[in-house]
Amino acid sequence: MGWQAKNIKLSYSGSKILPLTDSAFVKYNAFKKQFGEDGSIVVIGVKSEKIFQKDTYNKWAQLSNELQKLHGIKGVLSIGKFFELQKDTTNQKFTVSPLPGKILATDAEMDSLKSKLNQLPFYKGLLYNTESNATLMAVTFDQKILNSAARNPILKEIEAKALAFGKSEGIDVHLSGLPYIRTATSKLISNEFILFLGLSILVSALILVIFFRSFSAVFYPVLVVIMGVVWSIGTLVLFGYEITILTGLIPPLIVIIGIPNSILLLNKYHNELKKHGDKQKAWEITIERISVTTLIANITAAIGFGVLYFTGSELLMQFGSVAALNVMFTWLMSLCLIPAIFSYLPAPKNKLNAAHEPNFLDRLLVKTDGLVQHKSTTIYIATIVLTIISIIGVYRINVNGYVVDDLPKSSKILTD
């Protein structure tokens, strides 16, 4: 599984949330089959009166030409590089002739170009706005590299050239478009994948420290769940899946679900060991008593994830199937490896069995038990009130979906 896990890839395409048989998704696929991949355009926008000044326009046109020459760029459309529709009276048809951006030598040439643009109302409100002095540049990607990692360096170069133009002219430059947004989202997923995995392991280790205060009782359970993480990533590769915004949650999920298995096993083992001091007998009783309990708990969790496979949504199907399988894989590894490892380790000393000494957790459990025994009416009332508030909240949910929903609210991409 470790060998397979090294081949994991990040998804660079849009998330396929709708079921494959959904009418909207079927129509969308038919559209792509006829017209090609959508969302292949990155838009560069500026807002300045200087854009129709000769020197600024020349740099804008030069930027258009430079971007057109980049590998992987199919075309560029801007006021510095656009097309003109002309009549061919001889053949009785229309022809499209490109007007490539060129360096203007005089202000008269600038006025002539501006006049030509005004004679082409198609571009008004599309490429430029005379009222706000805003103009756009549309950069179209080659579909062969659109949904691959190869688009990342191209986008970096586009961004660098666009920002360099803005810096030289003192103009704020804004970038947007699905390739740009998806690249930012992919980077966010990659960073959060590592962050969540690291935090889940750290929190799990802290919980083990609180319970057992022993190096071996922390190190080996964490090692086992890390193996479960490797298995989960390997499973993704074997199934031909990539890391998406949902499947990226599977590794930290495996850590959080896998650690309780180790806690239950070690806690029961320590209790039995205190009774008679026989490690072999303690593990026999532990496996006999705890295996069924943890099996039921893990099967319940696996079923909860597994039902997502039947939603028909590709994103949820991938997440549900891999999560369900690896919950059970991790349970099996915990049940086999934890007893095997600790049977070879020295029996823990009494002073290391902090989980069985009166501590904060014991006092918290006693307090909770007291509330249940003596404040049941208050608990019922509070539960009913919270349930009513939750139901009201459910009806106040607005169902909206935007491609930028996954980005931080403070992101410049979101404001652009």
Protein backbone atom coordinates (compact mmCIF):
# COMPACT_ATOMS: atom_id res chain seq x y z
CA MET A 1 0.00 0.00 0.00
CA GLY A 2 2.89 2.33 0.71
CA TRP A 3 4.21 1.73 -2.80
CA GLN A 4 0.80 2.65 -4.22
CA ALA A 5 0.38 5.65 -1.91
CA LYS A 6 3.39 7.40 -3.45
CA ASN A 7 1.43 7.65 -6.73
CA ILE A 8 -1.42 9.69 -5.26
CA LYS A 9 -2.39 12.73 -7.32
CA LEU A 10 -4.30 15.91 -6.65
CA SER A 11 -7.50 16.48 -8.60
CA TYR A 12 -7.35 19.51 -10.90
CA SER A 13 -10.85 19.19 -12.36
CA GLY A 14 -14.13 20.42 -10.96
CA SER A 15 -15.93 18.34 -8.35
CA LYS A 16 -18.61 16.08 -9.83
CA ILE A 17 -21.29 16.44 -7.16
CA LEU A 18 -24.41 15.62 -9.19
CA PRO A 19 -25.38 11.97 -9.77
CA LEU A 20 -24.20 10.62 -13.12
CA THR A 21 -27.82 10.05 -14.21
CA ASP A 22 -29.04 13.52 -13.22
CA SER A 23 -30.67 15.30 -16.17
CA ALA A 24 -28.60 18.47 -15.68
CA PHE A 25 -25.37 16.46 -15.58
CA VAL A 26 -26.34 14.50 -18.72
CA LYS A 27 -27.05 17.75 -20.58
CA TYR A 28 -23.77 19.20 -19.34
CA ASN A 29 -21.81 16.23 -20.70
CA ALA A 30 -23.65 16.52 -24.03
CA PHE A 31 -22.70 20.20 -24.15
CA LYS A 32 -19.03 19.40 -23.53
CA LYS A 33 -19.08 16.68 -26.17
CA GLN A 34 -20.39 19.13 -28.77
CA PHE A 35 -18.60 22.35 -27.80
CA GLY A 36 -15.60 21.17 -25.79
CA GLU A 37 -14.52 21.70 -22.19
CA ASP A 38 -16.06 24.71 -20.47
CA GLY A 39 -14.36 26.91 -17.93
CA SER A 40 -11.12 27.20 -19.89
CA ILE A 41 -10.74 30.97 -19.70
CA VAL A 42 -8.72 33.09 -17.28
CA VAL A 43 -9.81 36.73 -17.23
CA ILE A 44 -7.49 39.64 -16.47
CA GLY A 45 -9.29 42.86 -15.60
CA VAL A 46 -8.14 46.45 -15.11
CA LYS A 47 -9.99 49.69 -14.47
CA SER A 48 -8.23 52.88 -15.47
CA GLU A 49 -8.62 55.87 -17.76
CA LYS A 50 -5.02 55.29 -18.86
CA ILE A 51 -5.93 52.13 -20.81
CA PHE A 52 -6.74 54.18 -23.93
CA GLN A 53 -3.57 56.22 -23.65
CA LYS A 54 -0.98 55.21 -26.23
CA ASP A 55 1.81 54.07 -23.92
CA THR A 56 -0.47 52.12 -21.57
CA TYR A 57 -2.35 50.57 -24.48
CA ASN A 58 0.94 49.47 -26.08
CA LYS A 59 1.93 47.63 -22.91
CA TRP A 60 -1.54 46.05 -22.72
CA ALA A 61 -1.28 44.91 -26.34
CA GLN A 62 2.24 43.64 -25.69
CA LEU A 63 0.93 41.66 -22.71
CA SER A 64 -1.71 40.10 -25.00
CA ASN A 65 0.95 39.03 -27.49
CA GLU A 66 3.24 37.64 -24.79
CA LEU A 67 0.47 35.54 -23.27
CA GLN A 68 -0.52 34.25 -26.71
CA LYS A 69 3.00 32.83 -27.15
CA LEU A 70 2.91 30.83 -23.90
CA HIS A 71 2.81 27.05 -24.26
CA GLY A 72 -0.68 25.77 -23.49
CA ILE A 73 -2.50 28.99 -24.39
CA LYS A 74 -4.98 28.60 -27.21
CA GLY A 75 -5.96 32.23 -27.70
CA VAL A 76 -6.13 35.72 -26.20
CA LEU A 77 -8.92 38.26 -26.66
CA SER A 78 -8.55 41.89 -25.58
CA ILE A 79 -8.79 45.42 -26.93
CA GLY A 80 -5.20 44.88 -27.97
CA LYS A 81 -5.98 41.66 -29.82
CA PHE A 82 -9.50 41.16 -31.16
CA PHE A 83 -11.40 40.06 -34.27
CA GLU A 84 -13.43 41.99 -36.81
CA LEU A 85 -16.42 40.60 -38.71
CA GLN A 86 -16.35 41.56 -42.40
CA LYS A 87 -18.61 40.93 -45.38
CA ASP A 88 -17.30 38.92 -48.30
CA THR A 89 -19.60 40.15 -51.07
CA THR A 90 -17.90 37.95 -53.66
CA ASN A 91 -18.59 34.68 -51.87
CA GLN A 92 -21.66 36.07 -50.07
CA LYS A 93 -20.52 35.21 -46.57
CA PHE A 94 -19.00 36.72 -43.48
CA THR A 95 -15.32 36.38 -42.65
CA VAL A 96 -13.53 36.89 -39.37
CA SER A 97 -10.24 38.74 -39.60
CA PRO A 98 -7.95 39.09 -36.57
CA LEU A 99 -6.63 42.45 -35.53
CA PRO A 100 -3.43 41.56 -33.68
CA GLY A 101 -2.17 44.01 -31.13
CA LYS A 102 0.60 46.15 -32.48
CA ILE A 103 2.66 48.94 -31.06
CA LEU A 104 1.02 52.28 -31.85
CA ALA A 105 3.39 55.06 -32.80
CA THR A 106 1.10 58.08 -32.53
CA ASP A 107 -1.92 59.30 -30.63
CA ALA A 108 -3.76 59.47 -33.96
CA GLU A 109 -3.40 55.69 -34.32
CA MET A 110 -4.78 55.32 -30.80
CA ASP A 111 -7.80 57.46 -31.69
CA SER A 112 -8.30 55.41 -34.87
CA LEU A 113 -8.29 52.14 -32.92
CA LYS A 114 -10.69 53.52 -30.34
CA SER A 115 -13.01 54.63 -33.14
CA LYS A 116 -12.86 51.15 -34.68
CA LEU A 117 -13.79 49.60 -31.34
CA ASN A 118 -16.78 51.93 -31.06
CA GLN A 119 -17.91 50.69 -34.46
CA LEU A 120 -17.96 47.13 -33.13
CA PRO A 121 -20.77 47.17 -30.55
CA PHE A 122 -20.30 43.43 -29.92
CA TYR A 123 -17.26 44.18 -27.74
CA LYS A 124 -18.90 47.01 -25.81
CA GLY A 125 -19.70 45.73 -22.35
CA LEU A 126 -17.78 42.54 -23.11
CA LEU A 127 -14.16 43.66 -23.49
CA TYR A 128 -14.47 47.25 -22.34
CA ASN A 129 -16.84 49.61 -20.57
CA THR A 130 -16.65 53.26 -21.59
CA GLU A 131 -18.50 54.44 -18.48
CA SER A 132 -16.26 52.75 -15.88
CA ASN A 133 -13.06 52.64 -18.01
CA ALA A 134 -12.78 48.92 -17.27
CA THR A 135 -11.39 46.43 -19.75
CA LEU A 136 -10.86 42.68 -19.78
CA MET A 137 -8.41 40.27 -21.34
CA ALA A 138 -9.65 36.69 -21.86
CA VAL A 139 -6.93 34.01 -21.99
CA THR A 140 -8.11 30.62 -23.27
CA PHE A 141 -6.28 27.44 -22.21
CA ASP A 142 -5.61 24.42 -24.39
CA GLN A 143 -8.06 21.73 -23.25
CA LYS A 144 -5.31 19.09 -23.21
CA ILE A 145 -3.63 20.66 -20.18
CA LEU A 146 -6.64 22.40 -18.64
CA ASN A 147 -7.33 19.75 -15.98
CA SER A 148 -3.76 18.76 -15.22
CA ALA A 149 -0.86 19.94 -13.07
CA ALA A 150 0.72 21.41 -16.23
CA ARG A 151 -1.55 24.44 -15.95
CA ASN A 152 0.05 25.57 -12.66
CA PRO A 153 3.31 27.01 -14.07
CA ILE A 154 1.38 28.62 -16.92
CA LEU A 155 -0.96 30.35 -14.49
CA LYS A 156 1.99 31.53 -12.42
CA GLU A 157 3.55 33.06 -15.52
CA ILE A 158 0.27 34.70 -16.55
CA GLU A 159 -0.15 36.14 -13.07
CA ALA A 160 3.45 37.37 -12.96
CA LYS A 161 3.19 39.12 -16.34
CA ALA A 162 -0.20 40.66 -15.49
CA LEU A 163 0.99 41.97 -12.13
CA ALA A 164 4.16 43.31 -13.74
CA PHE A 165 1.99 45.30 -16.16
CA GLY A 166 -0.07 46.65 -13.27
CA LYS A 167 3.02 47.63 -11.30
CA SER A 168 4.61 49.45 -14.24
CA GLU A 169 1.44 51.45 -14.90
CA GLY A 170 0.25 51.88 -11.31
CA ILE A 171 -3.00 50.01 -12.04
CA ASP A 172 -4.69 47.38 -9.89
CA VAL A 173 -4.91 44.11 -11.81
CA HIS A 174 -7.59 41.52 -11.05
CA LEU A 175 -7.56 37.87 -12.14
CA SER A 176 -10.38 35.36 -12.21
CA GLY A 177 -11.78 32.45 -14.20
CA LEU A 178 -12.37 28.77 -13.47
CA PRO A 179 -8.79 27.58 -14.14
CA TYR A 180 -7.48 30.25 -11.77
CA ILE A 181 -10.07 29.47 -9.09
CA ARG A 182 -9.61 25.70 -9.40
CA THR A 183 -5.84 26.06 -9.10
CA ALA A 184 -6.26 28.11 -5.93
CA THR A 185 -8.73 25.54 -4.58
CA SER A 186 -6.36 22.67 -5.41
CA LYS A 187 -3.53 24.45 -3.59
CA LEU A 188 -5.83 25.01 -0.62
CA ILE A 189 -6.81 21.33 -0.57
CA SER A 190 -3.15 20.29 -0.73
CA ASN A 191 -2.19 22.56 2.18
CA GLU A 192 -5.20 21.63 4.30
CA PHE A 193 -4.65 17.92 3.61
CA ILE A 194 -1.26 18.14 5.32
CA LEU A 195 -2.55 20.49 8.03
CA PHE A 196 -5.57 18.37 9.01
CA LEU A 197 -3.55 15.16 8.95
CA GLY A 198 -0.85 16.67 11.15
CA LEU A 199 -3.37 18.16 13.59
CA SER A 200 -5.36 14.93 13.83
CA ILE A 201 -2.20 12.96 14.68
CA LEU A 202 -1.12 15.61 17.20
CA VAL A 203 -4.51 15.72 18.94
CA SER A 204 -4.69 11.92 19.00
CA ALA A 205 -1.22 11.75 20.55
CA LEU A 206 -2.24 14.28 23.21
CA ILE A 207 -5.33 12.21 24.06
CA LEU A 208 -3.16 9.12 24.46
CA VAL A 209 -0.76 11.07 26.69
CA ILE A 210 -3.67 12.18 28.89
CA PHE A 211 -4.95 8.62 29.21
CA PHE A 212 -1.72 6.64 29.61
CA ARG A 213 1.28 9.00 30.07
CA SER A 214 3.56 6.41 28.54
CA PHE A 215 5.79 6.70 25.47
CA SER A 216 4.98 3.21 24.19
CA ALA A 217 1.24 3.72 24.73
CA VAL A 218 1.44 6.85 22.58
CA PHE A 219 4.00 5.95 19.94
CA TYR A 220 2.74 2.54 18.81
CA PRO A 221 -0.99 3.38 18.51
CA VAL A 222 -0.05 6.48 16.51
CA LEU A 223 2.21 4.31 14.35
CA VAL A 224 -0.67 1.91 13.71
CA VAL A 225 -3.08 4.67 12.64
CA ILE A 226 -0.37 6.15 10.39
CA MET A 227 -0.26 2.75 8.71
CA GLY A 228 -4.04 3.06 8.34
CA VAL A 229 -3.52 6.46 6.70
CA VAL A 230 -1.04 4.92 4.25
CA TRP A 231 -3.57 2.20 3.47
CA SER A 232 -6.30 4.78 2.85
CA ILE A 233 -4.11 6.72 0.40
CA GLY A 234 -3.05 3.47 -1.28
CA THR A 235 -6.72 2.49 -1.63
CA LEU A 236 -7.45 5.79 -3.38
CA VAL A 237 -4.69 5.05 -5.90
CA LEU A 238 -5.81 1.43 -6.45
CA PHE A 239 -9.35 2.63 -7.16
CA GLY A 240 -8.04 5.25 -9.58
CA TYR A 241 -9.23 8.16 -7.44
CA GLU A 242 -7.50 11.46 -6.75
CA ILE A 243 -7.40 13.78 -3.75
CA THR A 244 -10.47 16.00 -3.84
CA ILE A 245 -12.00 18.27 -1.24
CA LEU A 246 -13.76 15.21 0.27
CA THR A 247 -11.31 12.36 -0.23
CA GLY A 248 -8.65 14.60 1.31
CA LEU A 249 -10.54 14.24 4.60
CA ILE A 250 -10.19 10.44 4.68
CA PRO A 251 -6.65 10.23 6.20
CA PRO A 252 -7.40 12.49 9.21
CA LEU A 253 -10.74 10.71 9.55
CA ILE A 254 -8.94 7.37 9.78
CA VAL A 255 -6.71 8.77 12.52
CA ILE A 256 -9.64 10.04 14.59
CA ILE A 257 -11.64 6.81 14.19
CA GLY A 258 -8.63 4.52 14.63
CA ILE A 259 -7.26 5.95 17.89
CA PRO A 260 -10.30 4.94 20.05
CA ASN A 261 -9.67 1.30 19.04
CA SER A 262 -6.21 1.50 20.59
CA ILE A 263 -7.49 3.34 23.68
CA LEU A 264 -10.11 0.67 24.38
CA LEU A 265 -7.63 -2.16 23.87
CA LEU A 266 -4.90 -0.64 26.04
CA ASN A 267 -7.30 0.48 28.77
CA LYS A 268 -8.77 -3.01 29.11
CA TYR A 269 -5.29 -4.55 28.94
CA HIS A 270 -4.04 -2.34 31.79
CA ASN A 271 -7.10 -3.16 33.90
CA GLU A 272 -6.64 -6.89 33.42
CA LEU A 273 -2.92 -6.64 34.03
CA LYS A 274 -3.52 -4.97 37.39
CA LYS A 275 -5.72 -7.91 38.44
CA HIS A 276 -3.26 -10.76 37.88
CA GLY A 277 -0.08 -9.45 36.19
CA ASP A 278 -0.14 -12.08 33.41
CA LYS A 279 0.35 -10.34 30.02
CA GLN A 280 -0.79 -13.28 27.90
CA LYS A 281 -3.95 -13.82 29.91
CA ALA A 282 -4.61 -10.07 29.96
CA TRP A 283 -4.46 -9.88 26.17
CA GLU A 284 -6.65 -12.97 25.76
CA ILE A 285 -9.37 -11.40 27.89
CA THR A 286 -8.89 -7.99 26.25
CA ILE A 287 -9.28 -9.34 22.72
CA GLU A 288 -12.25 -11.48 23.74
CA ARG A 289 -14.10 -8.57 25.39
CA ILE A 290 -13.06 -5.55 23.32
CA SER A 291 -12.93 -7.02 19.80
CA VAL A 292 -16.72 -7.34 19.55
CA THR A 293 -17.31 -3.88 21.03
CA THR A 294 -14.90 -2.18 18.64
CA LEU A 295 -16.16 -4.28 15.72
CA ILE A 296 -19.73 -3.07 16.25
CA ALA A 297 -18.58 0.55 16.61
CA ASN A 298 -16.44 0.41 13.47
CA ILE A 299 -19.05 -1.43 11.40
CA THR A 300 -21.56 1.26 12.35
CA ALA A 301 -19.15 3.98 11.22
CA ALA A 302 -18.32 2.07 8.01
CA ILE A 303 -22.00 1.64 7.17
CA GLY A 304 -22.54 5.36 7.73
CA PHE A 305 -19.86 6.17 5.17
CA GLY A 306 -20.74 3.27 2.88
CA VAL A 307 -24.31 4.44 2.25
CA LEU A 308 -22.86 7.50 0.50
CA TYR A 309 -21.90 5.15 -2.35
CA PHE A 310 -25.58 4.81 -3.24
CA THR A 311 -26.15 8.55 -3.70
CA GLY A 312 -25.01 8.35 -7.33
CA SER A 313 -22.75 11.39 -6.86
CA GLU A 314 -19.23 10.53 -8.00
CA LEU A 315 -17.65 12.71 -5.31
CA LEU A 316 -19.67 11.09 -2.50
CA MET A 317 -19.29 7.60 -3.98
CA GLN A 318 -15.50 7.88 -3.91
CA PHE A 319 -15.46 9.23 -0.38
CA GLY A 320 -17.98 6.73 0.98
CA SER A 321 -16.43 3.59 -0.50
CA VAL A 322 -12.82 4.38 0.46
CA ALA A 323 -13.73 5.65 3.94
CA ALA A 324 -15.88 2.59 4.71
CA LEU A 325 -13.22 0.11 3.60
CA ASN A 326 -10.41 1.80 5.48
CA VAL A 327 -12.35 2.16 8.71
CA MET A 328 -12.51 -1.65 8.76
CA PHE A 329 -8.89 -2.02 7.61
CA THR A 330 -7.75 0.21 10.49
CA TRP A 331 -9.86 -1.72 13.00
CA LEU A 332 -8.30 -4.98 11.81
CA MET A 333 -4.78 -3.55 12.01
CA SER A 334 -5.41 -2.22 15.52
CA LEU A 335 -6.81 -5.54 16.70
CA CYS A 336 -3.86 -7.49 15.27
CA LEU A 337 -0.91 -5.15 15.80
CA ILE A 338 -1.58 -3.53 19.19
CA PRO A 339 -1.72 -6.86 21.10
CA ALA A 340 1.21 -8.23 19.08
CA ILE A 341 3.41 -5.20 19.77
CA PHE A 342 2.59 -4.83 23.46
CA SER A 343 2.95 -8.54 24.15
CA TYR A 344 6.67 -8.10 23.41
CA LEU A 345 7.01 -4.94 25.50
CA PRO A 346 7.60 -4.96 29.26
CA ALA A 347 4.48 -4.78 31.40
CA PRO A 348 3.76 -1.16 32.36
CA LYS A 349 4.63 -0.12 35.87
CA ASN A 350 1.88 1.03 38.21
CA LYS A 351 3.15 4.59 38.14
CA LEU A 352 2.66 4.68 34.36
CA ASN A 353 -0.96 3.60 34.61
CA ALA A 354 -2.17 7.15 35.05
CA ALA A 355 -5.45 6.27 33.35
CA HIS A 356 -6.47 4.33 36.47
CA GLU A 357 -5.49 6.94 39.06
CA PRO A 358 -7.97 9.63 40.14
CA ASN A 359 -7.48 12.55 37.79
CA PHE A 360 -9.37 15.25 35.94
CA LEU A 361 -11.09 12.76 33.64
CA ASP A 362 -12.30 10.67 36.57
CA ARG A 363 -13.71 13.76 38.29
CA LEU A 364 -15.37 14.85 35.04
CA LEU A 365 -17.03 11.44 34.61
CA VAL A 366 -18.24 11.48 38.23
CA LYS A 367 -19.68 14.96 37.70
CA THR A 368 -21.42 13.84 34.49
CA ASP A 369 -22.85 10.80 36.26
CA GLY A 370 -24.17 13.06 39.02
CA LEU A 371 -25.91 15.29 36.49
CA VAL A 372 -27.55 12.29 34.82
CA GLN A 373 -28.69 10.83 38.15
CA HIS A 374 -29.95 14.00 39.83
CA LYS A 375 -30.63 16.56 37.08
CA SER A 376 -32.42 14.41 34.52
CA THR A 377 -35.39 16.81 34.21
CA THR A 378 -33.07 19.73 33.43
CA ILE A 379 -31.25 17.61 30.84
CA TYR A 380 -34.54 16.65 29.14
CA ILE A 381 -35.70 20.27 28.98
CA ALA A 382 -32.35 21.49 27.63
CA THR A 383 -32.33 18.72 24.99
CA ILE A 384 -35.86 19.58 23.83
CA VAL A 385 -35.04 23.31 23.64
CA LEU A 386 -31.83 22.69 21.66
CA THR A 387 -33.68 20.31 19.31
CA ILE A 388 -36.35 22.94 18.61
CA ILE A 389 -33.69 25.58 17.96
CA SER A 390 -31.90 23.16 15.61
CA ILE A 391 -35.10 22.46 13.66
CA ILE A 392 -35.69 26.20 13.27
CA GLY A 393 -32.11 26.55 12.06
CA VAL A 394 -32.58 23.80 9.48
CA TYR A 395 -35.49 25.67 7.90
CA ARG A 396 -33.42 28.86 7.74
CA ILE A 397 -30.66 27.27 5.65
CA ASN A 398 -30.25 28.81 2.19
CA VAL A 399 -29.08 26.33 -0.42
CA ASN A 400 -26.54 28.08 -2.64
CA GLY A 401 -23.48 26.77 -4.42
CA TYR A 402 -20.65 28.79 -5.92
CA VAL A 403 -17.29 27.70 -7.28
CA VAL A 404 -15.55 30.06 -4.83
CA ASP A 405 -17.33 28.71 -1.73
CA ASP A 406 -14.27 26.70 -0.69
CA LEU A 407 -11.97 29.72 -0.66
CA PRO A 408 -11.36 31.79 2.50
CA LYS A 409 -13.56 34.89 2.78
CA SER A 410 -10.43 37.04 2.91
CA SER A 411 -9.03 35.62 -0.34
CA LYS A 412 -8.28 38.20 -3.06
CA ILE A 413 -9.51 35.69 -5.63
CA LEU A 414 -12.94 35.80 -3.97
CA THR A 415 -13.11 39.60 -4.03
CA ASP A 416 -11.87 39.70 -7.65
